[in-house]
N, C-alpha and C. Protein backbone atom coordinates (compact mmCIF):
# COMPACT_ATOMS: atom_id res chain seq x y z
N MET A 1 -12.19 -9.79 8.78
CA MET A 1 -12.12 -8.93 7.61
C MET A 1 -10.75 -9.06 6.93
N LEU A 2 -9.68 -9.17 7.70
CA LEU A 2 -8.36 -9.31 7.11
C LEU A 2 -7.90 -10.76 7.30
N PRO A 3 -7.05 -11.31 6.49
CA PRO A 3 -6.27 -10.70 5.43
C PRO A 3 -7.07 -10.50 4.15
N GLN A 4 -6.64 -9.51 3.36
CA GLN A 4 -7.24 -9.29 2.05
C GLN A 4 -6.37 -8.36 1.22
N PHE A 5 -6.69 -8.28 -0.06
CA PHE A 5 -5.97 -7.38 -0.94
C PHE A 5 -6.50 -5.96 -0.76
N LEU A 6 -5.59 -5.04 -0.51
CA LEU A 6 -5.92 -3.62 -0.54
C LEU A 6 -6.00 -3.20 -2.00
N LEU A 7 -5.19 -3.85 -2.82
CA LEU A 7 -5.23 -3.67 -4.27
C LEU A 7 -4.86 -5.00 -4.92
N PRO A 8 -5.81 -5.66 -5.60
CA PRO A 8 -5.44 -6.88 -6.32
C PRO A 8 -4.45 -6.55 -7.44
N GLU A 9 -3.78 -7.55 -8.00
CA GLU A 9 -2.79 -7.25 -9.03
C GLU A 9 -3.43 -6.41 -10.13
N THR A 10 -2.80 -5.28 -10.40
CA THR A 10 -3.35 -4.26 -11.29
C THR A 10 -2.23 -3.70 -12.16
N THR A 11 -2.54 -3.45 -13.43
CA THR A 11 -1.60 -2.77 -14.31
C THR A 11 -1.82 -1.27 -14.19
N ILE A 12 -0.74 -0.56 -13.95
CA ILE A 12 -0.81 0.89 -13.70
C ILE A 12 -0.03 1.61 -14.79
N ARG A 13 -0.66 2.65 -15.35
CA ARG A 13 -0.01 3.47 -16.38
C ARG A 13 0.06 4.94 -15.97
N GLN A 14 -0.58 5.29 -14.84
CA GLN A 14 -0.59 6.69 -14.38
C GLN A 14 -0.92 6.72 -12.89
N ALA A 15 -0.85 7.90 -12.29
CA ALA A 15 -1.17 8.06 -10.87
C ALA A 15 -2.62 7.64 -10.61
N GLY A 16 -2.89 7.19 -9.38
CA GLY A 16 -4.25 6.78 -9.08
C GLY A 16 -4.45 6.42 -7.62
N THR A 17 -5.68 6.00 -7.33
CA THR A 17 -6.10 5.62 -5.98
C THR A 17 -6.91 4.34 -6.06
N GLY A 18 -6.65 3.44 -5.13
CA GLY A 18 -7.38 2.18 -5.08
C GLY A 18 -8.68 2.31 -4.29
N PRO A 19 -9.46 1.25 -4.26
CA PRO A 19 -10.72 1.27 -3.50
C PRO A 19 -10.46 1.22 -2.00
N ALA A 20 -11.43 1.68 -1.24
CA ALA A 20 -11.34 1.64 0.22
C ALA A 20 -11.75 0.25 0.73
N ILE A 21 -11.09 -0.19 1.79
CA ILE A 21 -11.50 -1.42 2.46
C ILE A 21 -11.80 -1.11 3.92
N GLU A 22 -12.72 -1.86 4.50
CA GLU A 22 -13.07 -1.72 5.91
C GLU A 22 -12.09 -2.53 6.76
N LEU A 23 -11.66 -1.97 7.87
CA LEU A 23 -10.75 -2.68 8.77
C LEU A 23 -11.48 -3.63 9.70
N GLY A 24 -12.74 -3.33 10.01
CA GLY A 24 -13.51 -4.21 10.89
C GLY A 24 -12.84 -4.40 12.23
N GLU A 25 -12.68 -5.65 12.64
CA GLU A 25 -12.10 -5.95 13.96
C GLU A 25 -10.62 -5.59 14.06
N ASN A 26 -9.96 -5.26 12.96
CA ASN A 26 -8.55 -4.87 12.97
C ASN A 26 -8.35 -3.37 13.18
N GLN A 27 -9.43 -2.64 13.40
CA GLN A 27 -9.36 -1.21 13.66
C GLN A 27 -8.50 -0.97 14.90
N GLY A 28 -7.53 -0.08 14.82
CA GLY A 28 -6.64 0.23 15.94
C GLY A 28 -5.51 -0.77 16.14
N GLY A 29 -5.38 -1.73 15.24
CA GLY A 29 -4.34 -2.77 15.38
C GLY A 29 -3.10 -2.45 14.57
N THR A 30 -2.20 -3.41 14.56
CA THR A 30 -0.98 -3.30 13.77
C THR A 30 -1.13 -4.22 12.57
N LEU A 31 -0.82 -3.67 11.40
CA LEU A 31 -1.02 -4.39 10.14
C LEU A 31 0.31 -4.56 9.42
N VAL A 32 0.41 -5.63 8.65
CA VAL A 32 1.54 -5.86 7.75
C VAL A 32 1.05 -5.58 6.34
N LEU A 33 1.73 -4.68 5.65
CA LEU A 33 1.40 -4.34 4.27
C LEU A 33 2.47 -4.95 3.37
N THR A 34 2.04 -5.75 2.41
CA THR A 34 2.96 -6.40 1.48
C THR A 34 2.71 -5.87 0.08
N LEU A 35 3.71 -5.20 -0.47
CA LEU A 35 3.66 -4.67 -1.83
C LEU A 35 4.40 -5.62 -2.75
N GLY A 36 3.73 -6.03 -3.81
CA GLY A 36 4.38 -6.84 -4.83
C GLY A 36 4.42 -6.07 -6.13
N ILE A 37 5.60 -5.96 -6.71
CA ILE A 37 5.77 -5.35 -8.03
C ILE A 37 6.19 -6.48 -8.96
N THR A 38 5.30 -6.84 -9.88
CA THR A 38 5.54 -8.00 -10.74
C THR A 38 5.97 -7.60 -12.16
N ARG A 39 5.82 -6.33 -12.49
CA ARG A 39 6.25 -5.86 -13.80
C ARG A 39 6.63 -4.39 -13.69
N ILE A 40 7.75 -4.05 -14.32
CA ILE A 40 8.23 -2.67 -14.30
C ILE A 40 9.16 -2.48 -15.50
N LEU A 41 9.18 -1.29 -16.03
CA LEU A 41 10.12 -0.95 -17.10
C LEU A 41 11.34 -0.27 -16.48
N GLU A 42 12.44 -0.22 -17.22
CA GLU A 42 13.58 0.53 -16.70
C GLU A 42 13.30 2.03 -16.83
N GLN A 43 13.99 2.79 -16.05
CA GLN A 43 13.87 4.25 -16.03
C GLN A 43 12.47 4.72 -15.65
N GLU A 44 11.96 4.14 -14.57
CA GLU A 44 10.69 4.60 -14.01
C GLU A 44 10.66 4.29 -12.52
N SER A 45 9.81 4.98 -11.81
CA SER A 45 9.68 4.77 -10.36
C SER A 45 8.21 4.88 -9.97
N ILE A 46 7.92 4.31 -8.79
CA ILE A 46 6.56 4.38 -8.26
C ILE A 46 6.64 4.69 -6.77
N ASP A 47 5.75 5.55 -6.33
CA ASP A 47 5.61 5.90 -4.92
C ASP A 47 4.24 5.41 -4.45
N ILE A 48 4.24 4.61 -3.38
CA ILE A 48 3.01 4.00 -2.85
C ILE A 48 2.78 4.53 -1.44
N SER A 49 1.58 5.06 -1.19
CA SER A 49 1.23 5.53 0.16
C SER A 49 -0.11 4.93 0.57
N ILE A 50 -0.30 4.83 1.90
CA ILE A 50 -1.50 4.27 2.49
C ILE A 50 -2.23 5.38 3.23
N TRP A 51 -3.51 5.52 2.95
CA TRP A 51 -4.33 6.58 3.54
C TRP A 51 -5.44 5.97 4.37
N GLY A 52 -5.85 6.68 5.42
CA GLY A 52 -6.89 6.19 6.30
C GLY A 52 -8.01 7.19 6.47
N SER A 53 -9.21 6.66 6.78
CA SER A 53 -10.39 7.50 6.98
C SER A 53 -11.26 6.93 8.09
N ALA A 54 -11.86 7.83 8.86
CA ALA A 54 -12.80 7.41 9.89
C ALA A 54 -14.21 7.30 9.33
N ASP A 55 -14.50 8.06 8.26
CA ASP A 55 -15.87 8.12 7.74
C ASP A 55 -16.00 7.76 6.26
N GLY A 56 -14.90 7.47 5.57
CA GLY A 56 -14.96 7.14 4.15
C GLY A 56 -15.03 8.35 3.24
N ALA A 57 -15.07 9.56 3.82
CA ALA A 57 -15.14 10.79 3.02
C ALA A 57 -13.86 11.61 3.16
N ALA A 58 -13.40 11.82 4.38
CA ALA A 58 -12.19 12.61 4.64
C ALA A 58 -11.01 11.66 4.80
N TRP A 59 -9.95 11.87 3.99
CA TRP A 59 -8.79 10.97 3.98
C TRP A 59 -7.54 11.62 4.55
N GLY A 60 -7.68 12.79 5.17
CA GLY A 60 -6.55 13.43 5.81
C GLY A 60 -5.65 14.17 4.84
N SER A 61 -4.67 14.85 5.40
CA SER A 61 -3.76 15.66 4.58
C SER A 61 -2.42 14.98 4.35
N LYS A 62 -2.16 13.88 5.05
CA LYS A 62 -0.93 13.13 4.82
C LYS A 62 -1.19 11.64 5.01
N PRO A 63 -0.39 10.81 4.36
CA PRO A 63 -0.62 9.36 4.45
C PRO A 63 -0.28 8.80 5.83
N LEU A 64 -0.86 7.66 6.14
CA LEU A 64 -0.54 6.94 7.37
C LEU A 64 0.82 6.27 7.28
N ALA A 65 1.16 5.84 6.07
CA ALA A 65 2.43 5.15 5.83
C ALA A 65 2.76 5.26 4.35
N ALA A 66 4.03 5.04 4.04
CA ALA A 66 4.47 5.05 2.64
C ALA A 66 5.65 4.10 2.48
N PHE A 67 5.68 3.42 1.36
CA PHE A 67 6.83 2.60 1.01
C PHE A 67 7.91 3.52 0.46
N PRO A 68 9.17 3.19 0.67
CA PRO A 68 10.22 3.95 -0.02
C PRO A 68 10.01 3.84 -1.53
N GLN A 69 10.42 4.85 -2.27
CA GLN A 69 10.26 4.85 -3.72
C GLN A 69 10.87 3.58 -4.32
N LYS A 70 10.15 2.96 -5.27
CA LYS A 70 10.58 1.69 -5.84
C LYS A 70 10.91 1.83 -7.33
N PHE A 71 11.97 1.08 -7.74
CA PHE A 71 12.45 1.09 -9.11
C PHE A 71 12.53 -0.32 -9.71
N TYR A 72 12.31 -1.35 -8.89
CA TYR A 72 12.55 -2.74 -9.31
C TYR A 72 11.40 -3.65 -8.91
N CYS A 73 11.27 -4.77 -9.63
CA CYS A 73 10.34 -5.81 -9.23
C CYS A 73 10.78 -6.39 -7.89
N GLY A 74 9.81 -6.88 -7.13
CA GLY A 74 10.13 -7.50 -5.85
C GLY A 74 8.94 -7.48 -4.94
N THR A 75 9.15 -8.01 -3.73
CA THR A 75 8.14 -8.02 -2.69
C THR A 75 8.70 -7.25 -1.50
N TYR A 76 7.92 -6.30 -1.00
CA TYR A 76 8.37 -5.40 0.05
C TYR A 76 7.31 -5.34 1.15
N GLN A 77 7.75 -5.24 2.42
CA GLN A 77 6.80 -5.18 3.53
C GLN A 77 7.11 -4.01 4.46
N ILE A 78 6.03 -3.41 5.00
CA ILE A 78 6.14 -2.42 6.06
C ILE A 78 5.04 -2.70 7.08
N LEU A 79 5.23 -2.20 8.29
CA LEU A 79 4.21 -2.30 9.33
C LEU A 79 3.45 -0.99 9.42
N LEU A 80 2.17 -1.09 9.72
CA LEU A 80 1.31 0.07 9.94
C LEU A 80 0.66 -0.10 11.31
N ASP A 81 1.09 0.72 12.27
CA ASP A 81 0.56 0.67 13.63
C ASP A 81 -0.53 1.72 13.77
N LEU A 82 -1.76 1.27 13.95
CA LEU A 82 -2.91 2.18 14.07
C LEU A 82 -3.35 2.37 15.53
N SER A 83 -2.54 1.95 16.48
CA SER A 83 -2.93 2.06 17.89
C SER A 83 -3.11 3.51 18.33
N GLU A 84 -2.39 4.44 17.72
CA GLU A 84 -2.53 5.87 18.06
C GLU A 84 -3.67 6.53 17.26
N GLN A 85 -4.28 5.80 16.34
CA GLN A 85 -5.36 6.32 15.51
C GLN A 85 -6.51 5.31 15.46
N PRO A 86 -7.13 5.03 16.61
CA PRO A 86 -8.15 3.98 16.66
C PRO A 86 -9.44 4.34 15.91
N ASP A 87 -9.59 5.60 15.50
CA ASP A 87 -10.79 6.01 14.76
C ASP A 87 -10.73 5.64 13.28
N ILE A 88 -9.56 5.27 12.77
CA ILE A 88 -9.42 4.91 11.35
C ILE A 88 -10.17 3.61 11.10
N ARG A 89 -11.18 3.69 10.22
CA ARG A 89 -12.02 2.51 9.92
C ARG A 89 -11.78 1.96 8.52
N GLN A 90 -11.20 2.80 7.65
CA GLN A 90 -10.98 2.37 6.26
C GLN A 90 -9.57 2.72 5.81
N LEU A 91 -9.05 1.91 4.89
CA LEU A 91 -7.75 2.15 4.27
C LEU A 91 -7.91 2.15 2.76
N ARG A 92 -7.01 2.87 2.11
CA ARG A 92 -6.90 2.78 0.65
C ARG A 92 -5.46 3.12 0.25
N VAL A 93 -5.08 2.70 -0.92
CA VAL A 93 -3.74 2.93 -1.43
C VAL A 93 -3.79 4.02 -2.50
N GLN A 94 -2.71 4.78 -2.56
CA GLN A 94 -2.57 5.83 -3.59
C GLN A 94 -1.16 5.69 -4.18
N TRP A 95 -1.03 5.97 -5.46
CA TRP A 95 0.28 5.84 -6.09
C TRP A 95 0.54 7.00 -7.05
N GLN A 96 1.84 7.29 -7.18
CA GLN A 96 2.35 8.28 -8.13
C GLN A 96 3.41 7.57 -8.96
N THR A 97 3.46 7.86 -10.25
CA THR A 97 4.43 7.23 -11.13
C THR A 97 5.30 8.29 -11.79
N ASN A 98 6.48 7.85 -12.22
CA ASN A 98 7.41 8.74 -12.91
C ASN A 98 8.19 7.91 -13.93
N ARG A 99 8.39 8.49 -15.09
CA ARG A 99 9.17 7.82 -16.15
C ARG A 99 10.06 8.85 -16.80
N TRP A 100 11.28 8.44 -17.13
CA TRP A 100 12.23 9.34 -17.76
C TRP A 100 13.04 8.55 -18.78
N GLY A 101 13.83 9.24 -19.57
CA GLY A 101 14.70 8.57 -20.53
C GLY A 101 14.03 8.36 -21.88
N LYS A 102 14.55 7.41 -22.63
CA LYS A 102 14.09 7.15 -24.00
C LYS A 102 12.88 6.22 -24.00
N GLY A 103 12.23 6.16 -25.16
CA GLY A 103 11.11 5.23 -25.32
C GLY A 103 9.78 5.86 -24.95
N ASP A 104 8.80 5.00 -24.77
CA ASP A 104 7.44 5.42 -24.42
C ASP A 104 7.47 6.21 -23.11
N PRO A 105 6.94 7.44 -23.09
CA PRO A 105 6.98 8.23 -21.86
C PRO A 105 5.97 7.79 -20.80
N LYS A 106 5.10 6.85 -21.15
CA LYS A 106 4.06 6.41 -20.22
C LYS A 106 4.58 5.26 -19.36
N PRO A 107 4.49 5.38 -18.02
CA PRO A 107 4.96 4.31 -17.14
C PRO A 107 4.12 3.03 -17.33
N LEU A 108 4.70 1.91 -16.90
CA LEU A 108 4.00 0.63 -16.92
C LEU A 108 4.44 -0.18 -15.71
N PHE A 109 3.52 -0.48 -14.83
CA PHE A 109 3.75 -1.28 -13.64
C PHE A 109 2.65 -2.32 -13.50
N ALA A 110 2.96 -3.44 -12.90
CA ALA A 110 1.94 -4.37 -12.41
C ALA A 110 2.25 -4.54 -10.92
N ILE A 111 1.28 -4.19 -10.08
CA ILE A 111 1.50 -4.24 -8.63
C ILE A 111 0.29 -4.85 -7.93
N TYR A 112 0.52 -5.30 -6.70
CA TYR A 112 -0.56 -5.67 -5.80
C TYR A 112 -0.16 -5.22 -4.40
N LEU A 113 -1.15 -5.06 -3.53
CA LEU A 113 -0.90 -4.70 -2.14
C LEU A 113 -1.82 -5.52 -1.26
N PHE A 114 -1.20 -6.28 -0.38
CA PHE A 114 -1.92 -7.19 0.52
C PHE A 114 -1.79 -6.68 1.95
N VAL A 115 -2.87 -6.74 2.71
CA VAL A 115 -2.85 -6.29 4.10
C VAL A 115 -3.33 -7.44 4.99
N GLN A 116 -2.62 -7.62 6.11
CA GLN A 116 -3.00 -8.64 7.08
C GLN A 116 -2.64 -8.17 8.48
N GLU A 117 -3.24 -8.81 9.44
CA GLU A 117 -2.96 -8.50 10.84
C GLU A 117 -1.54 -8.92 11.19
N PHE A 118 -0.84 -8.08 11.97
CA PHE A 118 0.48 -8.42 12.47
C PHE A 118 0.30 -9.28 13.70
N LYS A 119 0.86 -10.47 13.69
CA LYS A 119 0.72 -11.41 14.81
C LYS A 119 2.00 -11.35 15.64
N HIS A 120 1.91 -10.70 16.80
CA HIS A 120 3.07 -10.50 17.66
C HIS A 120 3.73 -11.80 18.07
N GLN A 121 2.96 -12.83 18.36
CA GLN A 121 3.53 -14.09 18.80
C GLN A 121 4.37 -14.73 17.69
N LEU A 122 3.99 -14.57 16.42
CA LEU A 122 4.77 -15.11 15.32
C LEU A 122 6.06 -14.34 15.15
N ALA A 123 6.01 -13.03 15.32
CA ALA A 123 7.21 -12.21 15.20
C ALA A 123 8.20 -12.56 16.30
N ALA A 124 7.72 -12.78 17.52
CA ALA A 124 8.60 -13.13 18.63
C ALA A 124 9.21 -14.51 18.43
N ALA A 125 8.44 -15.44 17.89
CA ALA A 125 8.94 -16.80 17.69
C ALA A 125 10.04 -16.84 16.64
N GLY A 126 9.97 -15.94 15.66
CA GLY A 126 10.98 -15.91 14.61
C GLY A 126 12.27 -15.23 15.03
N ALA A 127 12.26 -14.53 16.15
CA ALA A 127 13.44 -13.78 16.59
C ALA A 127 14.48 -14.67 17.24
């Protein structure tokens, strides 16, 4: 089932939620989440969080993981360890935007989020 895009490259102008994906055989595993920000205006920020569900209906009261608030284009990675939550079968991304200062008050971002299995042997080999 993995690797795949949790969110393909998308232009964002307001807060929102991405589609759910099934974890399949990666349920209960450790995942690498890669956030790419390919377009951003100055004087704006984006908050990205990852939510999980066991049934596709209830998404919990707090995210499983979150990227630190971002202000710049770039590629960023975090790990998501689901070993303590083996019932999580689906993931989705949620975002909040903020814009301040002069000009158009509406934010503008282009982002993608990619998820893949964390391969322990590769991490050890790189150390």
